[in-house]
Amino acid sequence: MQRRQLLKAAAAPLVLAGLPAAVQAQGNWPAAKNITYMVPFATGGTTDTLGRLIAQQLGPALGTTVIVENRGGAGGSVGSELAARAQPDGYTLLGGTISSHAINISLYPKLGYDPVKSFTPITLIGTNPLVLVVAANSPYKSLQDVLEAAKKRQGGLSSASAGAGTSQHLALEMLGWKSGVKFTHVPYKGSGPAIQDVMGGQVDMMFDTTVVAAPHIQSGKLRALAVTSKQRLEALKDVPTVAESGVSSLANFEVTSWQALFAPSGTPDAIVQKLHQEVAKIIATPDMKARLKTMGMEPSTLSPAQIAEFQKTEVAKWAAVIKEAKVKVDS
């Protein structure tokens, strides 16, 4: 009996050594190892801002350090592909967006990951509309001014975005498609550098999330012309919706961006559930809810399973828009 028990004990480490790293990590996760929160855009954008707010509180909640790493490019595709290839052990998280996890699959023919199959959803952080902005000293005072000016200029007005395939880009494409007016898209590697060039007058305008644009609107550096929501926003009460522009073809115009947290597919369910619970607690704190509201973002309470269904719906929705509007990118 003793011999059998000794043999069993001796074999145990060998069995453990043969298990996948993700399964081994589950028992003592997160141990003393840092967690990487990958942001697939440059610093200063919505995904980066939210990632840093969450990382500051998630690290202490888990007893470790959460490090934000920016890997921008191709509308979030570069960083998302890197995250998809990471070990599914709970030490790599990704700030996914409407672009990286719903739009890009229909735009980039050689996308190096599947937005649904390559990831496990952890939480939907929140949703928010976009706002069309121009520099404070711009001659354009309304969406009508923009449309009229674009009609008169060869190639239309220039419009920045956080990258090809982002919600900012698709909002511009929808505006051009529905209004019949041409614009010149100027993609960047994130909202931060893009909105700086709008404020500096190097680019005529930009659709951006309220998270990024609101502080610059409030400081007087940007002028808000229209929001892409169905109703006016509480944070920007004086800014009309695109649908209120008076252009009949824009009567049903609506674009809602969203931010979520993902882990590589195969991450143990216990780790996913723990992350969901901790991030949900952070989002539910009065301070975080107030900050998100100020940014024009509606916090989310969806479960991982509900997020998965929501994401599939979004993929199908934007595939139809991209096909109908004949949107293409160089890739």
Protein backbone atom coordinates (compact mmCIF):
# COMPACT_ATOMS: atom_id res chain seq x y z
CA MET A 1 0.00 0.00 0.00
CA GLN A 2 2.83 2.36 0.96
CA ARG A 3 4.72 1.51 -2.24
CA ARG A 4 1.64 2.27 -4.34
CA GLN A 5 1.20 5.65 -2.62
CA LEU A 6 4.87 6.52 -3.14
CA LEU A 7 4.65 5.67 -6.84
CA LYS A 8 1.51 7.79 -7.14
CA ALA A 9 3.19 10.76 -5.44
CA ALA A 10 6.28 10.46 -7.64
CA ALA A 11 4.17 10.42 -10.79
CA ALA A 12 2.17 13.52 -9.84
CA PRO A 13 4.79 16.11 -10.89
CA LEU A 14 5.21 14.31 -14.21
CA VAL A 15 1.48 14.51 -14.88
CA LEU A 16 1.47 18.20 -13.97
CA ALA A 17 4.43 18.87 -16.23
CA GLY A 18 2.52 17.38 -19.12
CA LEU A 19 -0.48 19.69 -18.67
CA PRO A 20 -0.91 22.84 -20.78
CA ALA A 21 0.51 26.01 -19.25
CA ALA A 22 -2.96 27.53 -18.99
CA VAL A 23 -4.18 24.65 -16.81
CA GLN A 24 -1.12 24.80 -14.56
CA ALA A 25 -1.55 28.56 -14.15
CA GLN A 26 -5.16 28.22 -13.07
CA GLY A 27 -4.28 26.87 -9.63
CA ASN A 28 -2.09 29.75 -8.45
CA TRP A 29 -3.09 32.55 -10.85
CA PRO A 30 -2.13 35.33 -10.79
CA ALA A 31 0.76 34.38 -8.45
CA ALA A 32 3.42 37.12 -8.45
CA LYS A 33 3.50 37.55 -12.22
CA ASN A 34 2.47 40.79 -13.94
CA ILE A 35 -0.60 40.83 -16.20
CA THR A 36 -0.32 42.59 -19.56
CA TYR A 37 -3.33 44.65 -20.62
CA MET A 38 -2.74 45.11 -24.33
CA VAL A 39 -4.20 48.19 -26.00
CA PRO A 40 -4.19 47.83 -29.82
CA PHE A 41 -4.05 51.60 -30.35
CA ALA A 42 -1.71 54.48 -29.55
CA THR A 43 -1.81 56.31 -26.22
CA GLY A 44 -4.44 58.95 -25.59
CA GLY A 45 -7.41 57.21 -27.22
CA THR A 46 -10.56 55.72 -25.71
CA THR A 47 -9.22 52.17 -25.36
CA ASP A 48 -6.01 53.46 -23.78
CA THR A 49 -7.84 55.78 -21.38
CA LEU A 50 -10.20 53.05 -20.18
CA GLY A 51 -7.41 50.47 -20.04
CA ARG A 52 -5.35 52.63 -17.69
CA LEU A 53 -8.33 53.45 -15.48
CA ILE A 54 -9.16 49.74 -15.11
CA ALA A 55 -5.53 48.57 -14.76
CA GLN A 56 -4.94 50.94 -11.83
CA GLN A 57 -7.65 49.20 -9.82
CA LEU A 58 -7.51 45.67 -11.24
CA GLY A 59 -3.88 45.11 -10.20
CA PRO A 60 -4.47 45.72 -6.46
CA ALA A 61 -7.74 43.73 -6.58
CA LEU A 62 -5.84 40.69 -7.89
CA GLY A 63 -2.74 41.23 -5.76
CA THR A 64 -0.45 41.84 -8.71
CA THR A 65 0.48 44.53 -11.26
CA VAL A 66 -1.42 45.12 -14.50
CA ILE A 67 0.78 46.76 -17.14
CA VAL A 68 -0.78 48.57 -20.11
CA GLU A 69 1.07 47.91 -23.37
CA ASN A 70 0.21 49.89 -26.52
CA ARG A 71 0.58 48.05 -29.84
CA GLY A 72 -1.25 50.14 -32.43
CA GLY A 73 -1.81 49.64 -36.15
CA ALA A 74 -4.40 48.61 -38.76
CA GLY A 75 -7.46 49.66 -36.78
CA GLY A 76 -6.49 47.58 -33.77
CA SER A 77 -5.58 44.48 -35.81
CA VAL A 78 -1.85 44.44 -35.01
CA GLY A 79 -2.22 44.36 -31.24
CA SER A 80 -5.22 42.02 -31.43
CA GLU A 81 -3.25 39.47 -33.46
CA LEU A 82 -0.42 39.56 -30.92
CA ALA A 83 -2.88 39.00 -28.08
CA ALA A 84 -4.58 36.16 -29.95
CA ARG A 85 -1.23 34.34 -30.16
CA ALA A 86 -0.40 34.77 -26.47
CA GLN A 87 -0.60 31.92 -23.98
CA PRO A 88 -4.19 31.54 -22.72
CA ASP A 89 -3.07 31.62 -19.10
CA GLY A 90 -4.73 34.79 -17.80
CA TYR A 91 -1.59 36.91 -18.06
CA THR A 92 -2.53 38.60 -21.35
CA LEU A 93 -5.68 40.68 -21.71
CA LEU A 94 -6.84 42.75 -24.67
CA GLY A 95 -8.85 45.94 -24.82
CA GLY A 96 -11.07 45.01 -27.76
CA THR A 97 -13.33 47.41 -29.62
CA ILE A 98 -16.04 47.58 -32.24
CA SER A 99 -13.28 47.89 -34.84
CA SER A 100 -10.94 45.10 -33.73
CA HIS A 101 -13.74 42.68 -32.83
CA ALA A 102 -16.62 43.45 -35.20
CA ILE A 103 -15.57 45.59 -38.18
CA ASN A 104 -12.07 44.50 -39.22
CA ILE A 105 -13.05 40.95 -40.14
CA SER A 106 -15.06 42.37 -43.07
CA LEU A 107 -12.41 44.90 -44.12
CA TYR A 108 -9.08 43.09 -43.96
CA PRO A 109 -8.89 40.00 -46.20
CA LYS A 110 -5.74 38.74 -44.45
CA LEU A 111 -6.69 39.38 -40.85
CA GLY A 112 -4.39 37.31 -38.62
CA TYR A 113 -7.08 36.36 -36.09
CA ASP A 114 -10.76 35.55 -35.84
CA PRO A 115 -12.51 38.15 -33.63
CA VAL A 116 -14.92 35.52 -32.31
CA LYS A 117 -12.96 32.24 -32.31
CA SER A 118 -9.58 33.62 -31.23
CA PHE A 119 -10.85 35.26 -28.04
CA THR A 120 -12.94 34.71 -24.94
CA PRO A 121 -14.98 37.76 -23.85
CA ILE A 122 -14.49 38.91 -20.26
CA THR A 123 -16.64 42.01 -20.02
CA LEU A 124 -18.23 44.75 -22.08
CA ILE A 125 -16.92 47.94 -20.47
CA GLY A 126 -19.43 50.26 -22.09
CA THR A 127 -20.93 51.82 -25.18
CA ASN A 128 -20.78 55.38 -26.44
CA PRO A 129 -21.69 57.39 -29.54
CA LEU A 130 -19.29 59.46 -31.59
CA VAL A 131 -19.18 63.22 -32.02
CA LEU A 132 -18.18 65.09 -35.17
CA VAL A 133 -15.62 67.74 -34.24
CA VAL A 134 -13.61 70.48 -35.94
CA ALA A 135 -10.96 72.85 -34.60
CA ALA A 136 -12.24 75.74 -32.49
CA ASN A 137 -11.19 78.22 -35.20
CA SER A 138 -12.69 76.20 -38.07
CA PRO A 139 -15.07 78.04 -40.41
CA TYR A 140 -17.58 75.17 -40.12
CA LYS A 141 -20.31 75.76 -37.54
CA SER A 142 -22.68 72.89 -38.41
CA LEU A 143 -22.91 69.56 -40.21
CA GLN A 144 -24.65 71.38 -43.05
CA ASP A 145 -21.57 73.63 -43.38
CA VAL A 146 -19.36 70.55 -43.60
CA LEU A 147 -21.49 68.90 -46.29
CA GLU A 148 -21.68 72.07 -48.37
CA ALA A 149 -17.91 72.68 -48.14
CA ALA A 150 -17.12 69.06 -48.99
CA LYS A 151 -19.22 69.25 -52.15
CA LYS A 152 -17.21 72.22 -53.39
CA ARG A 153 -13.73 70.83 -52.72
CA GLN A 154 -11.93 68.27 -54.90
CA GLY A 155 -11.78 65.07 -52.85
CA GLY A 156 -13.98 66.57 -50.17
CA LEU A 157 -12.88 67.64 -46.68
CA SER A 158 -10.23 65.58 -44.85
CA SER A 159 -11.33 63.54 -41.86
CA ALA A 160 -9.04 61.82 -39.34
CA SER A 161 -9.63 58.53 -37.57
CA ALA A 162 -7.89 56.21 -35.10
CA GLY A 163 -7.21 53.88 -38.03
CA ALA A 164 -8.82 52.17 -41.00
CA GLY A 165 -11.72 50.04 -39.84
CA THR A 166 -12.38 51.95 -36.62
CA SER A 167 -15.80 53.27 -35.69
CA GLN A 168 -14.51 56.77 -36.56
CA HIS A 169 -13.68 55.57 -40.08
CA LEU A 170 -16.98 53.73 -40.55
CA ALA A 171 -18.98 56.72 -39.28
CA LEU A 172 -17.30 58.83 -41.98
CA GLU A 173 -18.01 56.20 -44.64
CA MET A 174 -21.66 56.06 -43.58
CA LEU A 175 -21.93 59.85 -43.69
CA GLY A 176 -20.49 59.94 -47.21
CA TRP A 177 -22.59 57.01 -48.40
CA LYS A 178 -25.90 58.29 -47.03
CA SER A 179 -25.36 61.96 -47.93
CA GLY A 180 -23.76 61.32 -51.31
CA VAL A 181 -20.83 63.58 -50.38
CA LYS A 182 -17.17 62.56 -50.76
CA PHE A 183 -14.55 62.90 -48.02
CA THR A 184 -10.85 62.06 -47.75
CA HIS A 185 -10.11 59.61 -44.94
CA VAL A 186 -6.84 60.18 -43.05
CA PRO A 187 -6.08 57.15 -40.80
CA TYR A 188 -3.78 57.37 -37.75
CA LYS A 189 -2.57 54.75 -35.26
CA GLY A 190 -4.89 56.00 -32.56
CA SER A 191 -7.25 58.79 -31.53
CA GLY A 192 -4.57 60.65 -29.59
CA PRO A 193 -2.41 61.76 -32.53
CA ALA A 194 -5.45 62.08 -34.82
CA ILE A 195 -7.35 64.53 -32.65
CA GLN A 196 -4.20 66.58 -32.06
CA ASP A 197 -3.97 67.20 -35.81
CA VAL A 198 -7.63 68.18 -35.94
CA MET A 199 -7.06 70.72 -33.18
CA GLY A 200 -3.97 71.95 -35.02
CA GLY A 201 -5.85 72.39 -38.29
CA GLN A 202 -3.82 69.82 -40.25
CA VAL A 203 -7.05 67.83 -40.81
CA ASP A 204 -10.49 69.39 -41.33
CA MET A 205 -12.57 67.24 -39.03
CA MET A 206 -13.01 63.95 -37.22
CA PHE A 207 -15.63 61.65 -35.76
CA ASP A 208 -14.36 60.52 -32.36
CA THR A 209 -15.73 58.96 -29.22
CA THR A 210 -17.06 61.24 -26.53
CA VAL A 211 -14.45 59.76 -24.17
CA VAL A 212 -11.65 61.40 -26.15
CA ALA A 213 -13.40 64.43 -27.60
CA ALA A 214 -15.43 65.70 -24.63
CA PRO A 215 -12.50 67.15 -22.61
CA HIS A 216 -11.26 69.08 -25.67
CA ILE A 217 -14.78 70.34 -26.41
CA GLN A 218 -15.18 71.48 -22.81
CA SER A 219 -11.78 73.21 -22.87
CA GLY A 220 -12.72 75.10 -26.03
CA LYS A 221 -10.09 73.50 -28.29
CA LEU A 222 -12.68 71.69 -30.41
CA ARG A 223 -16.13 72.59 -31.71
CA ALA A 224 -18.74 69.82 -31.66
CA LEU A 225 -21.07 69.76 -34.67
CA ALA A 226 -23.14 66.58 -34.26
CA VAL A 227 -23.42 63.35 -32.28
CA THR A 228 -24.13 59.94 -33.82
CA SER A 229 -26.66 58.80 -31.20
CA LYS A 230 -30.45 58.70 -31.64
CA GLN A 231 -30.96 61.35 -28.97
CA ARG A 232 -28.84 64.24 -27.78
CA LEU A 233 -26.34 63.44 -25.04
CA GLU A 234 -26.71 64.70 -21.49
CA ALA A 235 -23.00 65.60 -21.47
CA LEU A 236 -23.39 67.60 -24.74
CA LYS A 237 -26.95 68.90 -24.57
CA ASP A 238 -26.43 71.72 -27.05
CA VAL A 239 -24.99 69.46 -29.77
CA PRO A 240 -27.59 68.14 -32.27
CA THR A 241 -27.68 64.59 -33.57
CA VAL A 242 -26.67 63.81 -37.16
CA ALA A 243 -30.32 62.91 -37.75
CA GLU A 244 -31.28 66.49 -36.82
CA SER A 245 -29.14 67.92 -39.63
CA GLY A 246 -32.15 68.40 -41.89
CA VAL A 247 -30.76 66.04 -44.55
CA SER A 248 -33.49 63.46 -45.23
CA SER A 249 -31.04 60.67 -46.09
CA LEU A 250 -29.46 61.04 -42.63
CA ALA A 251 -32.74 60.74 -40.71
CA ASN A 252 -31.87 57.28 -39.31
CA PHE A 253 -28.12 57.82 -38.97
CA GLU A 254 -26.69 56.13 -35.86
CA VAL A 255 -23.26 54.78 -34.91
CA THR A 256 -22.53 53.43 -31.43
CA SER A 257 -18.99 52.46 -30.51
CA TRP A 258 -18.15 49.96 -27.76
CA GLN A 259 -15.24 48.85 -25.61
CA ALA A 260 -14.68 45.39 -24.17
CA LEU A 261 -12.09 43.22 -22.46
CA PHE A 262 -11.00 39.91 -23.98
CA ALA A 263 -8.57 37.06 -23.23
CA PRO A 264 -7.03 34.60 -25.71
CA SER A 265 -9.31 31.68 -26.51
CA GLY A 266 -8.67 28.75 -24.18
CA THR A 267 -8.16 30.84 -21.06
CA PRO A 268 -9.54 28.76 -18.13
CA ASP A 269 -13.12 29.61 -17.26
CA ALA A 270 -12.30 30.15 -13.59
CA ILE A 271 -9.85 32.90 -14.55
CA VAL A 272 -12.33 34.46 -17.00
CA GLN A 273 -15.06 34.52 -14.35
CA LYS A 274 -12.71 36.02 -11.75
CA LEU A 275 -11.65 38.76 -14.18
CA HIS A 276 -15.28 39.46 -15.10
CA GLN A 277 -16.25 39.81 -11.45
CA GLU A 278 -13.36 42.12 -10.57
CA VAL A 279 -13.74 44.38 -13.62
CA ALA A 280 -17.52 44.51 -13.10
CA LYS A 281 -16.89 45.70 -9.53
CA ILE A 282 -14.57 48.43 -10.81
CA ILE A 283 -17.09 49.62 -13.40
CA ALA A 284 -19.86 49.61 -10.78
CA THR A 285 -18.06 51.91 -8.34
CA PRO A 286 -19.69 55.35 -8.05
CA ASP A 287 -16.45 57.08 -9.09
CA MET A 288 -15.99 54.99 -12.25
CA LYS A 289 -19.67 55.25 -13.22
CA ALA A 290 -19.50 59.01 -12.81
CA ARG A 291 -16.33 59.23 -14.92
CA LEU A 292 -17.84 57.10 -17.68
CA LYS A 293 -21.02 59.18 -17.68
CA THR A 294 -18.98 62.38 -17.93
CA MET A 295 -17.25 60.85 -20.94
CA GLY A 296 -20.63 60.09 -22.54
CA MET A 297 -20.18 56.34 -22.05
CA GLU A 298 -22.92 54.00 -20.85
CA PRO A 299 -21.48 51.30 -18.52
CA SER A 300 -22.34 47.68 -19.33
CA THR A 301 -23.54 44.82 -17.13
CA LEU A 302 -23.50 42.01 -19.73
CA SER A 303 -22.17 38.57 -18.81
CA PRO A 304 -19.41 36.89 -20.90
CA ALA A 305 -22.05 34.73 -22.62
CA GLN A 306 -24.22 37.76 -23.42
CA ILE A 307 -21.19 39.63 -24.79
CA ALA A 308 -20.43 36.71 -27.11
CA GLU A 309 -23.95 36.92 -28.59
CA PHE A 310 -23.78 40.72 -28.83
CA GLN A 311 -20.45 40.48 -30.65
CA LYS A 312 -21.80 38.03 -33.25
CA THR A 313 -24.68 40.43 -33.94
CA GLU A 314 -22.23 43.32 -34.37
CA VAL A 315 -20.04 41.34 -36.79
CA ALA A 316 -23.07 40.61 -38.99
CA LYS A 317 -24.35 44.20 -38.78
CA TRP A 318 -21.09 45.82 -39.88
CA ALA A 319 -20.47 43.23 -42.58
CA ALA A 320 -23.74 44.34 -44.16
CA VAL A 321 -22.87 48.05 -43.85
CA ILE A 322 -19.40 47.56 -45.35
CA LYS A 323 -20.82 45.58 -48.26
CA GLU A 324 -23.63 48.09 -48.94
CA ALA A 325 -21.35 51.14 -48.69
CA LYS A 326 -18.56 49.37 -50.66
CA VAL A 327 -15.97 50.29 -48.01
CA LYS A 328 -12.44 49.10 -48.76
CA VAL A 329 -9.00 49.56 -47.15
CA ASP A 330 -5.50 49.06 -48.48
CA SER A 331 -4.23 45.82 -46.97
